Amino acid sequence: KFGFLLNSSESQGFAVQELMTCGLPLYVWDIPKSKRDYPDSSVPYFSDKSGLVNHSFSDVVKNFEQFIEKVDYYDPQQHIFKELTYEKFVKNLNFEFSKFNK
């Protein structure tokens, strides 16, 4: 099982995180739509263990076999539990606020 995500931007990535929490590797076509000075992404919280991100249609076609061959390697749930938990968020937030107390 895997998910195919076709998207252009996502502010928080909650829907993507829900798919990842279910352990579903994602094959992503990340279509940039922003012309701003900063990049946007449909998968802002993603790791190489979550799946494979493509930035063009030709990459989607070219990389599909590679993704399928590695589909059992991906473990998106691990990334969620390691990096995107409430406890991790609080720890990171406390660290950032501690910079102001110096």
Protein backbone atom coordinates (compact mmCIF):
# COMPACT_ATOMS: atom_id res chain seq x y z
CA LYS A 1 0.00 0.00 0.00
CA PHE A 2 1.04 3.56 -0.69
CA GLY A 3 -0.54 6.93 -1.31
CA PHE A 4 -0.16 9.20 -4.32
CA LEU A 5 -0.29 12.86 -3.41
CA LEU A 6 -0.77 15.53 -6.06
CA ASN A 7 -0.67 18.92 -4.36
CA SER A 8 0.78 22.41 -4.66
CA SER A 9 1.09 23.80 -1.13
CA GLU A 10 0.13 22.97 2.41
CA SER A 11 0.52 25.34 5.33
CA GLN A 12 0.72 22.82 8.16
CA GLY A 13 0.47 19.50 6.38
CA PHE A 14 -2.14 17.99 8.71
CA ALA A 15 -3.73 15.78 6.05
CA VAL A 16 -0.33 14.51 4.95
CA GLN A 17 0.66 13.87 8.57
CA GLU A 18 -2.51 11.83 9.09
CA LEU A 19 -1.60 9.64 6.11
CA MET A 20 1.94 9.26 7.43
CA THR A 21 0.69 8.39 10.92
CA CYS A 22 -1.20 5.49 9.35
CA GLY A 23 2.15 4.23 8.01
CA LEU A 24 1.29 4.97 4.40
CA PRO A 25 4.37 5.72 2.25
CA LEU A 26 3.64 8.64 -0.06
CA TYR A 27 4.57 9.17 -3.68
CA VAL A 28 4.35 12.94 -3.99
CA TRP A 29 4.15 15.27 -6.96
CA ASP A 30 4.94 18.55 -5.23
CA ILE A 31 3.84 21.26 -7.64
CA PRO A 32 5.24 24.63 -6.57
CA LYS A 33 2.77 27.43 -7.13
CA SER A 34 4.41 30.23 -5.22
CA LYS A 35 6.43 32.96 -6.85
CA ARG A 36 7.48 34.26 -3.45
CA ASP A 37 11.02 34.57 -2.11
CA TYR A 38 10.56 31.43 -0.03
CA PRO A 39 9.72 27.93 -1.22
CA ASP A 40 6.35 26.36 -0.58
CA SER A 41 5.65 22.67 -0.45
CA SER A 42 2.78 20.24 -0.19
CA VAL A 43 4.90 18.18 2.21
CA PRO A 44 6.53 20.65 4.61
CA TYR A 45 7.23 17.96 7.24
CA PHE A 46 8.64 15.06 5.29
CA SER A 47 11.71 12.86 5.45
CA ASP A 48 13.34 10.41 3.08
CA LYS A 49 11.73 7.62 5.16
CA SER A 50 8.26 9.05 4.43
CA GLY A 51 8.26 8.39 0.69
CA LEU A 52 9.50 10.09 -2.44
CA VAL A 53 8.90 13.69 -3.52
CA ASN A 54 8.90 14.68 -7.20
CA HIS A 55 8.88 18.22 -8.56
CA SER A 56 7.94 17.64 -12.19
CA PHE A 57 5.78 15.30 -14.23
CA SER A 58 8.86 13.78 -15.85
CA ASP A 59 10.22 12.96 -12.36
CA VAL A 60 6.89 11.35 -11.42
CA VAL A 61 7.18 9.03 -14.41
CA LYS A 62 10.92 8.43 -14.08
CA ASN A 63 11.02 7.70 -10.33
CA PHE A 64 7.95 5.48 -9.93
CA GLU A 65 9.75 2.14 -10.29
CA GLN A 66 12.39 3.24 -7.79
CA PHE A 67 9.64 4.15 -5.32
CA ILE A 68 7.85 0.80 -5.76
CA GLU A 69 11.11 -1.12 -5.28
CA LYS A 70 11.67 0.70 -1.96
CA VAL A 71 8.06 0.83 -0.75
CA ASP A 72 8.81 -1.56 2.14
CA TYR A 73 11.80 0.58 3.18
CA TYR A 74 9.66 3.63 3.89
CA ASP A 75 8.40 4.12 7.44
CA PRO A 76 6.54 7.44 7.61
CA GLN A 77 5.01 6.58 10.97
CA GLN A 78 8.50 6.50 12.51
CA HIS A 79 9.11 10.07 11.31
CA ILE A 80 5.83 11.24 12.87
CA PHE A 81 6.54 9.61 16.24
CA LYS A 82 10.13 10.86 16.27
CA GLU A 83 9.74 14.42 15.02
CA LEU A 84 6.11 15.56 15.06
CA THR A 85 4.72 14.66 18.47
CA TYR A 86 3.28 17.12 20.95
CA GLU A 87 6.24 16.46 23.26
CA LYS A 88 8.74 17.25 20.50
CA PHE A 89 6.83 20.43 19.64
CA VAL A 90 6.92 21.60 23.28
CA LYS A 91 10.63 20.78 23.56
CA ASN A 92 11.40 22.77 20.40
CA LEU A 93 9.22 25.66 21.53
CA ASN A 94 10.90 25.78 24.94
CA PHE A 95 14.29 25.78 23.26
CA GLU A 96 13.33 28.72 21.05
CA PHE A 97 11.92 30.71 24.00
CA SER A 98 15.03 29.99 26.07
CA LYS A 99 17.01 32.08 23.58
CA PHE A 100 15.11 35.17 24.78
CA ASN A 101 15.97 34.57 28.44
CA LYS A 102 19.71 34.99 27.91
